[in-house]
Amino acid sequence: MPEKQLFNFAEYKAREAEKIGYSNYSYWKSVWTNFLKKKSAVFMSVIFILLFIFTFVASAIGKYDISMAPDPLNRSYIAPNAEYWFGTNAIGQDYWAQVWYATRASILLAVLVSLGQITLGVIIGLIWGYVRKLDRFFTELYNLIDNVPTIIYMTLIALMVGKTMWTMGIAMIGFGWLATARNVRNLVFMYRDREYNLASRCLGTKLHRILFRNIFPYLVSVIILRMALAIPGTIAYETTLTYLGLMDITKPSLGMLLSSARSVFPNAAYTLWFPAAIVSIITITFYLVGNAFSDACDPRNHV
């Protein structure tokens, strides 16, 4: 008489397995799905994309070009009308062309500077937090730079090197990585001695692979948020530098337009309304999109 079987082999059924597992899980697909649930962020991101595209269209549909010579009759500060849709500036140039060119220039400058700041900050933060021998060096470097107001460094660079847009942009990158690096360094401390990283070190895994394959994915949500906040912050900082005369921009930027509008606001309020509205849209957009995308990138929010 055969012995009674106490166990039976379980058969693998693909359809049943899909009910209890996530065999088709994709990190970036899940990120995109979670982001689309944030309707306000999606709406504002569409508005921003359309705004940026329109900066190229505006020059084509406008009546005057950015290089239009000053009005020989010096008809300065004409209010918006059928001829000048956004009015004119102090020397009679079309403000429509000025505003949309400035918007495109400021967005491109802000994106490039923010990318530089975040990239440099992440690289330094990863090394600072993981390589213990370099902790004291980067800590002292951080304290040396952070304890002196950044505007002092920017003033010295403007006076000694130059006030061009690219010079000051590189300077903003050189002093703008501090907050990101400090944040990343603190997060790396939380992950560097976990079991899988200890195992990787014991197996002889190279440093750059541990940093960018084992630790970096946990920092994506924080990096996205800092990037989103850095872009409007760069535009605001460019406004400050332009207002203080530390940045000479031959072509219009939002900072330059806002600085020029402050002195004539009571008599020509429209010179402040248009660039201020665009800066507000950019700031709100990146705040909402940055928070939504940061939450979407957090694996803990994935189902």
C-alpha atoms as a PDB file:
ATOM      1  CA  MET A   1       0.000   0.000   0.000  1.00  0.00           C
ATOM      2  CA  PRO A   2       1.573   3.313  -1.073  1.00  0.00           C
ATOM      3  CA  GLU A   3       2.348   5.859   1.609  1.00  0.00           C
ATOM      4  CA  LYS A   4       0.039   8.811   1.860  1.00  0.00           C
ATOM      5  CA  GLN A   5       1.489  11.874   0.163  1.00  0.00           C
ATOM      6  CA  LEU A   6       1.854  14.731   2.582  1.00  0.00           C
ATOM      7  CA  PHE A   7       2.904  17.352  -0.017  1.00  0.00           C
ATOM      8  CA  ASN A   8       2.055  18.042  -3.635  1.00  0.00           C
ATOM      9  CA  PHE A   9       4.147  20.036  -6.097  1.00  0.00           C
ATOM     10  CA  ALA A  10       2.553  23.396  -6.912  1.00  0.00           C
ATOM     11  CA  GLU A  11       2.168  24.060 -10.606  1.00  0.00           C
ATOM     12  CA  TYR A  12       3.235  27.428 -11.970  1.00  0.00           C
ATOM     13  CA  LYS A  13       0.355  29.301 -13.601  1.00  0.00           C
ATOM     14  CA  ALA A  14       1.264  32.616 -15.188  1.00  0.00           C
ATOM     15  CA  ARG A  15      -2.217  34.072 -14.895  1.00  0.00           C
ATOM     16  CA  GLU A  16      -2.444  33.254 -11.191  1.00  0.00           C
ATOM     17  CA  ALA A  17       1.058  34.634 -10.590  1.00  0.00           C
ATOM     18  CA  GLU A  18       0.063  37.990 -12.037  1.00  0.00           C
ATOM     19  CA  LYS A  19      -2.668  38.304  -9.426  1.00  0.00           C
ATOM     20  CA  ILE A  20      -0.245  38.166  -6.506  1.00  0.00           C
ATOM     21  CA  GLY A  21       2.896  39.722  -7.957  1.00  0.00           C
ATOM     22  CA  TYR A  22       4.233  42.588 -10.063  1.00  0.00           C
ATOM     23  CA  SER A  23       6.024  40.690 -12.772  1.00  0.00           C
ATOM     24  CA  ASN A  24       5.626  43.579 -15.218  1.00  0.00           C
ATOM     25  CA  TYR A  25       6.740  46.286 -12.803  1.00  0.00           C
ATOM     26  CA  SER A  26       8.668  49.145 -14.356  1.00  0.00           C
ATOM     27  CA  TYR A  27      10.049  51.923 -12.189  1.00  0.00           C
ATOM     28  CA  TRP A  28       9.713  54.739 -14.718  1.00  0.00           C
ATOM     29  CA  LYS A  29       6.330  53.487 -15.902  1.00  0.00           C
ATOM     30  CA  SER A  30       5.127  53.613 -12.317  1.00  0.00           C
ATOM     31  CA  VAL A  31       6.637  57.090 -11.928  1.00  0.00           C
ATOM     32  CA  TRP A  32       4.763  58.333 -14.983  1.00  0.00           C
ATOM     33  CA  THR A  33       1.501  56.718 -13.831  1.00  0.00           C
ATOM     34  CA  ASN A  34       1.713  58.339 -10.398  1.00  0.00           C
ATOM     35  CA  PHE A  35       2.631  61.716 -11.871  1.00  0.00           C
ATOM     36  CA  LEU A  36      -0.398  61.703 -14.189  1.00  0.00           C
ATOM     37  CA  LYS A  37      -2.639  61.363 -11.146  1.00  0.00           C
ATOM     38  CA  LYS A  38      -1.635  64.894 -10.098  1.00  0.00           C
ATOM     39  CA  LYS A  39      -3.992  66.830 -12.366  1.00  0.00           C
ATOM     40  CA  SER A  40      -2.859  70.291 -11.258  1.00  0.00           C
ATOM     41  CA  ALA A  41       0.807  69.452 -11.915  1.00  0.00           C
ATOM     42  CA  VAL A  42      -0.016  67.978 -15.330  1.00  0.00           C
ATOM     43  CA  PHE A  43      -2.058  71.057 -16.238  1.00  0.00           C
ATOM     44  CA  MET A  44       0.689  73.485 -15.197  1.00  0.00           C
ATOM     45  CA  SER A  45       3.360  71.474 -17.015  1.00  0.00           C
ATOM     46  CA  VAL A  46       1.292  71.708 -20.218  1.00  0.00           C
ATOM     47  CA  ILE A  47       0.936  75.462 -19.663  1.00  0.00           C
ATOM     48  CA  PHE A  48       4.697  75.833 -19.242  1.00  0.00           C
ATOM     49  CA  ILE A  49       5.462  73.797 -22.388  1.00  0.00           C
ATOM     50  CA  LEU A  50       3.027  75.896 -24.395  1.00  0.00           C
ATOM     51  CA  LEU A  51       4.528  79.059 -22.904  1.00  0.00           C
ATOM     52  CA  PHE A  52       8.043  78.038 -23.928  1.00  0.00           C
ATOM     53  CA  ILE A  53       6.922  77.082 -27.444  1.00  0.00           C
ATOM     54  CA  PHE A  54       5.123  80.392 -27.766  1.00  0.00           C
ATOM     55  CA  THR A  55       8.361  82.291 -27.100  1.00  0.00           C
ATOM     56  CA  PHE A  56       9.484  81.086 -30.536  1.00  0.00           C
ATOM     57  CA  VAL A  57       6.105  81.740 -32.173  1.00  0.00           C
ATOM     58  CA  ALA A  58       5.750  85.247 -30.719  1.00  0.00           C
ATOM     59  CA  SER A  59       8.676  86.627 -32.726  1.00  0.00           C
ATOM     60  CA  ALA A  60       7.075  85.368 -35.927  1.00  0.00           C
ATOM     61  CA  ILE A  61       3.616  86.819 -35.317  1.00  0.00           C
ATOM     62  CA  GLY A  62       4.812  90.086 -33.766  1.00  0.00           C
ATOM     63  CA  LYS A  63       4.932  93.258 -35.815  1.00  0.00           C
ATOM     64  CA  TYR A  64       8.419  94.255 -34.693  1.00  0.00           C
ATOM     65  CA  ASP A  65      11.679  92.444 -34.038  1.00  0.00           C
ATOM     66  CA  ILE A  66      13.845  92.459 -30.940  1.00  0.00           C
ATOM     67  CA  SER A  67      16.524  94.344 -32.867  1.00  0.00           C
ATOM     68  CA  MET A  68      14.137  97.146 -33.852  1.00  0.00           C
ATOM     69  CA  ALA A  69      15.866 100.513 -33.592  1.00  0.00           C
ATOM     70  CA  PRO A  70      14.629 102.985 -30.981  1.00  0.00           C
ATOM     71  CA  ASP A  71      11.736 105.164 -32.062  1.00  0.00           C
ATOM     72  CA  PRO A  72      13.219 108.327 -33.656  1.00  0.00           C
ATOM     73  CA  LEU A  73      10.391 110.319 -32.107  1.00  0.00           C
ATOM     74  CA  ASN A  74      11.276 108.811 -28.709  1.00  0.00           C
ATOM     75  CA  ARG A  75       7.696 107.725 -28.044  1.00  0.00           C
ATOM     76  CA  SER A  76       8.624 105.976 -24.829  1.00  0.00           C
ATOM     77  CA  TYR A  77       6.220 104.064 -22.587  1.00  0.00           C
ATOM     78  CA  ILE A  78       3.254 103.861 -24.903  1.00  0.00           C
ATOM     79  CA  ALA A  79       0.509 101.811 -23.242  1.00  0.00           C
ATOM     80  CA  PRO A  80      -0.560  98.547 -24.941  1.00  0.00           C
ATOM     81  CA  ASN A  81      -2.630  99.188 -28.057  1.00  0.00           C
ATOM     82  CA  ALA A  82      -3.374  97.726 -31.498  1.00  0.00           C
ATOM     83  CA  GLU A  83       0.060  98.780 -32.796  1.00  0.00           C
ATOM     84  CA  TYR A  84       2.158  97.803 -29.777  1.00  0.00           C
ATOM     85  CA  TRP A  85       0.441  94.831 -28.119  1.00  0.00           C
ATOM     86  CA  PHE A  86       2.492  95.060 -24.920  1.00  0.00           C
ATOM     87  CA  GLY A  87       3.323  98.753 -25.275  1.00  0.00           C
ATOM     88  CA  THR A  88       6.842 100.145 -25.648  1.00  0.00           C
ATOM     89  CA  ASN A  89       9.859 100.469 -23.385  1.00  0.00           C
ATOM     90  CA  ALA A  90      11.907 103.524 -22.375  1.00  0.00           C
ATOM     91  CA  ILE A  91      13.406 104.006 -25.852  1.00  0.00           C
ATOM     92  CA  GLY A  92      10.281 103.222 -27.867  1.00  0.00           C
ATOM     93  CA  GLN A  93      11.020  99.579 -28.682  1.00  0.00           C
ATOM     94  CA  ASP A  94       8.226  97.037 -28.961  1.00  0.00           C
ATOM     95  CA  TYR A  95       7.685  95.463 -25.516  1.00  0.00           C
ATOM     96  CA  TRP A  96       6.013  92.356 -26.986  1.00  0.00           C
ATOM     97  CA  ALA A  97       9.253  91.299 -28.666  1.00  0.00           C
ATOM     98  CA  GLN A  98      11.246  92.238 -25.577  1.00  0.00           C
ATOM     99  CA  VAL A  99       9.131  90.178 -23.173  1.00  0.00           C
ATOM    100  CA  TRP A 100       9.016  86.965 -25.200  1.00  0.00           C
ATOM    101  CA  TYR A 101      12.698  87.064 -26.091  1.00  0.00           C
ATOM    102  CA  ALA A 102      13.512  87.669 -22.424  1.00  0.00           C
ATOM    103  CA  THR A 103      11.325  84.744 -21.386  1.00  0.00           C
ATOM    104  CA  ARG A 104      13.128  82.340 -23.711  1.00  0.00           C
ATOM    105  CA  ALA A 105      16.566  83.614 -22.684  1.00  0.00           C
ATOM    106  CA  SER A 106      15.815  83.424 -18.954  1.00  0.00           C
ATOM    107  CA  ILE A 107      14.342  79.930 -19.160  1.00  0.00           C
ATOM    108  CA  LEU A 108      17.342  78.614 -21.093  1.00  0.00           C
ATOM    109  CA  LEU A 109      19.782  80.299 -18.695  1.00  0.00           C
ATOM    110  CA  ALA A 110      17.906  79.012 -15.649  1.00  0.00           C
ATOM    111  CA  VAL A 111      17.741  75.438 -16.959  1.00  0.00           C
ATOM    112  CA  LEU A 112      21.443  75.338 -17.854  1.00  0.00           C
ATOM    113  CA  VAL A 113      22.560  76.874 -14.547  1.00  0.00           C
ATOM    114  CA  SER A 114      20.232  74.636 -12.528  1.00  0.00           C
ATOM    115  CA  LEU A 115      21.426  71.518 -14.367  1.00  0.00           C
ATOM    116  CA  GLY A 116      25.020  72.516 -13.652  1.00  0.00           C
ATOM    117  CA  GLN A 117      24.310  73.186  -9.974  1.00  0.00           C
ATOM    118  CA  ILE A 118      22.405  69.941  -9.431  1.00  0.00           C
ATOM    119  CA  THR A 119      24.894  67.792 -11.368  1.00  0.00           C
ATOM    120  CA  LEU A 120      27.880  69.214  -9.496  1.00  0.00           C
ATOM    121  CA  GLY A 121      26.058  69.025  -6.173  1.00  0.00           C
ATOM    122  CA  VAL A 122      25.020  65.391  -6.670  1.00  0.00           C
ATOM    123  CA  ILE A 123      28.525  64.252  -7.679  1.00  0.00           C
ATOM    124  CA  ILE A 124      30.184  66.056  -4.780  1.00  0.00           C
ATOM    125  CA  GLY A 125      27.461  64.943  -2.358  1.00  0.00           C
ATOM    126  CA  LEU A 126      27.841  61.277  -3.326  1.00  0.00           C
ATOM    127  CA  ILE A 127      31.610  61.365  -2.865  1.00  0.00           C
ATOM    128  CA  TRP A 128      31.358  63.494   0.279  1.00  0.00           C
ATOM    129  CA  GLY A 129      28.925  61.125   1.941  1.00  0.00           C
ATOM    130  CA  TYR A 130      30.496  57.830   0.891  1.00  0.00           C
ATOM    131  CA  VAL A 131      34.264  58.342   1.018  1.00  0.00           C
ATOM    132  CA  ARG A 132      34.980  58.921   4.696  1.00  0.00           C
ATOM    133  CA  LYS A 133      38.544  60.099   4.119  1.00  0.00           C
ATOM    134  CA  LEU A 134      37.218  63.089   2.159  1.00  0.00           C
ATOM    135  CA  ASP A 135      34.522  64.045   4.663  1.00  0.00           C
ATOM    136  CA  ARG A 136      36.686  66.583   6.505  1.00  0.00           C
ATOM    137  CA  PHE A 137      37.932  68.157   3.266  1.00  0.00           C
ATOM    138  CA  PHE A 138      34.445  68.705   1.840  1.00  0.00           C
ATOM    139  CA  THR A 139      33.079  69.825   5.207  1.00  0.00           C
ATOM    140  CA  GLU A 140      35.739  72.526   5.481  1.00  0.00           C
ATOM    141  CA  LEU A 141      35.195  73.535   1.846  1.00  0.00           C
ATOM    142  CA  TYR A 142      31.458  73.780   2.474  1.00  0.00           C
ATOM    143  CA  ASN A 143      31.948  75.903   5.588  1.00  0.00           C
ATOM    144  CA  LEU A 144      34.465  78.150   3.831  1.00  0.00           C
ATOM    145  CA  ILE A 145      32.086  78.968   1.004  1.00  0.00           C
ATOM    146  CA  ASP A 146      28.818  78.933   2.933  1.00  0.00           C
ATOM    147  CA  ASN A 147      29.903  81.237   5.745  1.00  0.00           C
ATOM    148  CA  VAL A 148      30.581  84.108   3.341  1.00  0.00           C
ATOM    149  CA  PRO A 149      27.540  85.689   1.626  1.00  0.00           C
ATOM    150  CA  THR A 150      27.393  84.533  -1.985  1.00  0.00           C
ATOM    151  CA  ILE A 151      26.776  88.072  -3.201  1.00  0.00           C
ATOM    152  CA  ILE A 152      30.314  88.981  -2.076  1.00  0.00           C
ATOM    153  CA  TYR A 153      31.798  86.244  -4.249  1.00  0.00           C
ATOM    154  CA  MET A 154      29.601  87.307  -7.174  1.00  0.00           C
ATOM    155  CA  THR A 155      30.664  90.933  -6.773  1.00  0.00           C
ATOM    156  CA  LEU A 156      34.360  90.018  -6.785  1.00  0.00           C
ATOM    157  CA  ILE A 157      33.925  87.848  -9.879  1.00  0.00           C
ATOM    158  CA  ALA A 158      31.977  90.572 -11.668  1.00  0.00           C
ATOM    159  CA  LEU A 159      34.682  93.152 -10.944  1.00  0.00           C
ATOM    160  CA  MET A 160      37.722  90.931 -11.565  1.00  0.00           C
ATOM    161  CA  VAL A 161      36.566  88.604 -14.360  1.00  0.00           C
ATOM    162  CA  GLY A 162      33.592  90.196 -16.046  1.00  0.00           C
ATOM    163  CA  LYS A 163      29.838  90.715 -15.937  1.00  0.00           C
ATOM    164  CA  THR A 164      28.836  88.698 -18.988  1.00  0.00           C
ATOM    165  CA  MET A 165      25.923  86.287 -18.806  1.00  0.00           C
ATOM    166  CA  TRP A 166      28.129  83.209 -19.231  1.00  0.00           C
ATOM    167  CA  THR A 167      30.664  84.360 -16.639  1.00  0.00           C
ATOM    168  CA  MET A 168      28.011  84.967 -14.020  1.00  0.00           C
ATOM    169  CA  GLY A 169      26.187  81.778 -15.011  1.00  0.00           C
ATOM    170  CA  ILE A 170      29.305  79.697 -14.378  1.00  0.00           C
ATOM    171  CA  ALA A 171      29.805  81.570 -11.108  1.00  0.00           C
ATOM    172  CA  MET A 172      26.244  80.718 -10.037  1.00  0.00           C
ATOM    173  CA  ILE A 173      26.998  77.057 -10.717  1.00  0.00           C
ATOM    174  CA  GLY A 174      30.268  77.296  -8.796  1.00  0.00           C
ATOM    175  CA  PHE A 175      28.529  78.560  -5.651  1.00  0.00           C
ATOM    176  CA  GLY A 176      25.068  77.044  -6.089  1.00  0.00           C
ATOM    177  CA  TRP A 177      25.906  73.378  -5.506  1.00  0.00           C
ATOM    178  CA  LEU A 178      26.255  73.683  -1.726  1.00  0.00           C
ATOM    179  CA  ALA A 179      22.669  72.956  -0.635  1.00  0.00           C
ATOM    180  CA  THR A 180      22.285  70.008  -2.993  1.00  0.00           C
ATOM    181  CA  ALA A 181      25.624  68.492  -2.002  1.00  0.00           C
ATOM    182  CA  ARG A 182      24.821  68.824   1.712  1.00  0.00           C
ATOM    183  CA  ASN A 183      21.416  67.214   1.249  1.00  0.00           C
ATOM    184  CA  VAL A 184      22.768  64.354  -0.846  1.00  0.00           C
ATOM    185  CA  ARG A 185      25.635  63.776   1.598  1.00  0.00           C
ATOM    186  CA  ASN A 186      23.215  63.372   4.517  1.00  0.00           C
ATOM    187  CA  LEU A 187      21.115  60.893   2.534  1.00  0.00           C
ATOM    188  CA  VAL A 188      24.162  58.878   1.478  1.00  0.00           C
ATOM    189  CA  PHE A 189      25.025  58.435   5.161  1.00  0.00           C
ATOM    190  CA  MET A 190      21.719  56.603   5.546  1.00  0.00           C
ATOM    191  CA  TYR A 191      22.380  54.090   2.752  1.00  0.00           C
ATOM    192  CA  ARG A 192      26.124  53.558   2.459  1.00  0.00           C
ATOM    193  CA  ASP A 193      26.442  50.935   5.248  1.00  0.00           C
ATOM    194  CA  ARG A 194      23.393  48.875   4.420  1.00  0.00           C
ATOM    195  CA  GLU A 195      23.875  45.169   3.854  1.00  0.00           C
ATOM    196  CA  TYR A 196      23.821  45.207   0.064  1.00  0.00           C
ATOM    197  CA  ASN A 197      26.469  47.944  -0.052  1.00  0.00           C
ATOM    198  CA  LEU A 198      28.661  46.080   2.424  1.00  0.00           C
ATOM    199  CA  ALA A 199      28.301  42.979   0.263  1.00  0.00           C
ATOM    200  CA  SER A 200      29.202  44.975  -2.856  1.00  0.00           C
ATOM    201  CA  ARG A 201      32.365  46.292  -1.211  1.00  0.00           C
ATOM    202  CA  CYS A 202      33.345  42.796  -0.097  1.00  0.00           C
ATOM    203  CA  LEU A 203      32.913  41.549  -3.665  1.00  0.00           C
ATOM    204  CA  GLY A 204      35.245  44.285  -4.915  1.00  0.00           C
ATOM    205  CA  THR A 205      32.618  46.402  -6.694  1.00  0.00           C
ATOM    206  CA  LYS A 206      34.093  49.664  -7.935  1.00  0.00           C
ATOM    207  CA  LEU A 207      33.220  52.883  -6.131  1.00  0.00           C
ATOM    208  CA  HIS A 208      31.457  54.585  -9.048  1.00  0.00           C
ATOM    209  CA  ARG A 209      29.241  51.543  -9.568  1.00  0.00           C
ATOM    210  CA  ILE A 210      28.172  51.448  -5.918  1.00  0.00           C
ATOM    211  CA  LEU A 211      27.405  55.167  -5.964  1.00  0.00           C
ATOM    212  CA  PHE A 212      25.402  55.269  -9.174  1.00  0.00           C
ATOM    213  CA  ARG A 213      23.772  51.819  -9.096  1.00  0.00           C
ATOM    214  CA  ASN A 214      23.167  51.154  -5.407  1.00  0.00           C
ATOM    215  CA  ILE A 215      22.710  54.606  -3.854  1.00  0.00           C
ATOM    216  CA  PHE A 216      21.787  57.103  -6.567  1.00  0.00           C
ATOM    217  CA  PRO A 217      18.304  55.618  -7.298  1.00  0.00           C
ATOM    218  CA  TYR A 218      17.233  56.405  -3.733  1.00  0.00           C
ATOM    219  CA  LEU A 219      18.064  60.073  -4.302  1.00  0.00           C
ATOM    220  CA  VAL A 220      16.080  60.622  -7.504  1.00  0.00           C
ATOM    221  CA  SER A 221      13.010  62.114  -5.814  1.00  0.00           C
ATOM    222  CA  VAL A 222      15.114  64.594  -3.811  1.00  0.00           C
ATOM    223  CA  ILE A 223      17.166  65.568  -6.866  1.00  0.00           C
ATOM    224  CA  ILE A 224      14.044  66.156  -8.971  1.00  0.00           C
ATOM    225  CA  LEU A 225      12.564  68.402  -6.295  1.00  0.00           C
ATOM    226  CA  ARG A 226      15.742  70.456  -5.910  1.00  0.00           C
ATOM    227  CA  MET A 227      16.005  70.792  -9.688  1.00  0.00           C
ATOM    228  CA  ALA A 228      12.434  72.053  -9.950  1.00  0.00           C
ATOM    229  CA  LEU A 229      12.991  74.648  -7.233  1.00  0.00           C
ATOM    230  CA  ALA A 230      16.388  75.703  -8.590  1.00  0.00           C
ATOM    231  CA  ILE A 231      15.000  76.923 -11.930  1.00  0.00           C
ATOM    232  CA  PRO A 232      12.709  79.699 -10.588  1.00  0.00           C
ATOM    233  CA  GLY A 233      15.357  80.397  -7.942  1.00  0.00           C
ATOM    234  CA  THR A 234      17.939  81.020 -10.667  1.00  0.00           C
ATOM    235  CA  ILE A 235      15.609  83.440 -12.439  1.00  0.00           C
ATOM    236  CA  ALA A 236      15.106  85.315  -9.168  1.00  0.00           C
ATOM    237  CA  TYR A 237      18.855  85.411  -8.540  1.00  0.00           C
ATOM    238  CA  GLU A 238      19.498  86.664 -12.067  1.00  0.00           C
ATOM    239  CA  THR A 239      17.004  89.451 -11.350  1.00  0.00           C
ATOM    240  CA  THR A 240      18.958  90.406  -8.231  1.00  0.00           C
ATOM    241  CA  LEU A 241      22.316  90.417 -10.025  1.00  0.00           C
ATOM    242  CA  THR A 242      20.922  92.494 -12.884  1.00  0.00           C
ATOM    243  CA  TYR A 243      19.314  94.969 -10.494  1.00  0.00           C
ATOM    244  CA  LEU A 244      22.618  95.388  -8.613  1.00  0.00           C
ATOM    245  CA  GLY A 245      24.505  95.922 -11.875  1.00  0.00           C
ATOM    246  CA  LEU A 246      26.579  92.737 -11.483  1.00  0.00           C
ATOM    247  CA  MET A 247      25.344  91.158 -14.704  1.00  0.00           C
ATOM    248  CA  ASP A 248      25.471  92.936 -18.056  1.00  0.00           C
ATOM    249  CA  ILE A 249      23.032  91.389 -20.501  1.00  0.00           C
ATOM    250  CA  THR A 250      23.098  92.816 -24.008  1.00  0.00           C
ATOM    251  CA  LYS A 251      19.771  91.179 -24.884  1.00  0.00           C
ATOM    252  CA  PRO A 252      16.641  91.301 -22.711  1.00  0.00           C
ATOM    253  CA  SER A 253      16.043  88.875 -19.854  1.00  0.00           C
ATOM    254  CA  LEU A 254      13.199  88.700 -17.350  1.00  0.00           C
ATOM    255  CA  GLY A 255      15.539  89.965 -14.658  1.00  0.00           C
ATOM    256  CA  MET A 256      16.500  92.976 -16.730  1.00  0.00           C
ATOM    257  CA  LEU A 257      12.865  93.796 -17.559  1.00  0.00           C
ATOM    258  CA  LEU A 258      11.789  93.518 -13.922  1.00  0.00           C
ATOM    259  CA  SER A 259      14.685  95.691 -12.798  1.00  0.00           C
ATOM    260  CA  SER A 260      13.874  98.352 -15.372  1.00  0.00           C
ATOM    261  CA  ALA A 261      10.186  98.304 -14.474  1.00  0.00           C
ATOM    262  CA  ARG A 262      10.677  99.075 -10.802  1.00  0.00           C
ATOM    263  CA  SER A 263      11.648 102.682 -11.335  1.00  0.00           C
ATOM    264  CA  VAL A 264       8.802 103.467 -13.739  1.00  0.00           C
ATOM    265  CA  PHE A 265       6.042 101.318 -12.237  1.00  0.00           C
ATOM    266  CA  PRO A 266       3.718 104.152 -11.184  1.00  0.00           C
ATOM    267  CA  ASN A 267       3.722 105.654 -14.691  1.00  0.00           C
ATOM    268  CA  ALA A 268       4.057 102.479 -16.802  1.00  0.00           C
ATOM    269  CA  ALA A 269       2.694  99.607 -14.730  1.00  0.00           C
ATOM    270  CA  TYR A 270       2.416  97.301 -17.739  1.00  0.00           C
ATOM    271  CA  THR A 271       6.216  97.046 -17.895  1.00  0.00           C
ATOM    272  CA  LEU A 272       6.027  95.113 -14.620  1.00  0.00           C
ATOM    273  CA  TRP A 273       2.800  93.194 -15.166  1.00  0.00           C
ATOM    274  CA  PHE A 274       3.870  91.119 -18.161  1.00  0.00           C
ATOM    275  CA  PRO A 275       7.294  89.857 -16.972  1.00  0.00           C
ATOM    276  CA  ALA A 276       6.000  89.436 -13.404  1.00  0.00           C
ATOM    277  CA  ALA A 277       3.090  87.301 -14.644  1.00  0.00           C
ATOM    278  CA  ILE A 278       5.451  85.074 -16.624  1.00  0.00           C
ATOM    279  CA  VAL A 279       7.843  84.671 -13.681  1.00  0.00           C
ATOM    280  CA  SER A 280       4.859  83.779 -11.467  1.00  0.00           C
ATOM    281  CA  ILE A 281       3.687  81.119 -13.925  1.00  0.00           C
ATOM    282  CA  ILE A 282       7.181  79.617 -14.105  1.00  0.00           C
ATOM    283  CA  THR A 283       7.553  79.602 -10.308  1.00  0.00           C
ATOM    284  CA  ILE A 284       4.148  78.023  -9.651  1.00  0.00           C
ATOM    285  CA  THR A 285       4.660  75.485 -12.429  1.00  0.00           C
ATOM    286  CA  PHE A 286       7.980  74.204 -11.179  1.00  0.00           C
ATOM    287  CA  TYR A 287       6.781  74.149  -7.584  1.00  0.00           C
ATOM    288  CA  LEU A 288       3.756  71.989  -8.405  1.00  0.00           C
ATOM    289  CA  VAL A 289       5.509  69.822 -10.989  1.00  0.00           C
ATOM    290  CA  GLY A 290       8.587  69.386  -8.802  1.00  0.00           C
ATOM    291  CA  ASN A 291       6.589  68.224  -5.778  1.00  0.00           C
ATOM    292  CA  ALA A 292       4.393  65.926  -7.856  1.00  0.00           C
ATOM    293  CA  PHE A 293       7.293  64.377  -9.741  1.00  0.00           C
ATOM    294  CA  SER A 294       9.325  64.022  -6.558  1.00  0.00           C
ATOM    295  CA  ASP A 295       6.491  62.073  -4.928  1.00  0.00           C
ATOM    296  CA  ALA A 296       6.080  59.982  -8.062  1.00  0.00           C
ATOM    297  CA  CYS A 297       9.787  59.083  -8.068  1.00  0.00           C
ATOM    298  CA  ASP A 298       9.650  57.806  -4.489  1.00  0.00           C
ATOM    299  CA  PRO A 299       9.438  53.969  -4.680  1.00  0.00           C
ATOM    300  CA  ARG A 300       7.465  53.950  -1.434  1.00  0.00           C
ATOM    301  CA  ASN A 301       4.544  55.526  -3.326  1.00  0.00           C
ATOM    302  CA  HIS A 302       4.531  52.795  -5.975  1.00  0.00           C
ATOM    303  CA  VAL A 303       1.929  50.057  -5.736  1.00  0.00           C
END
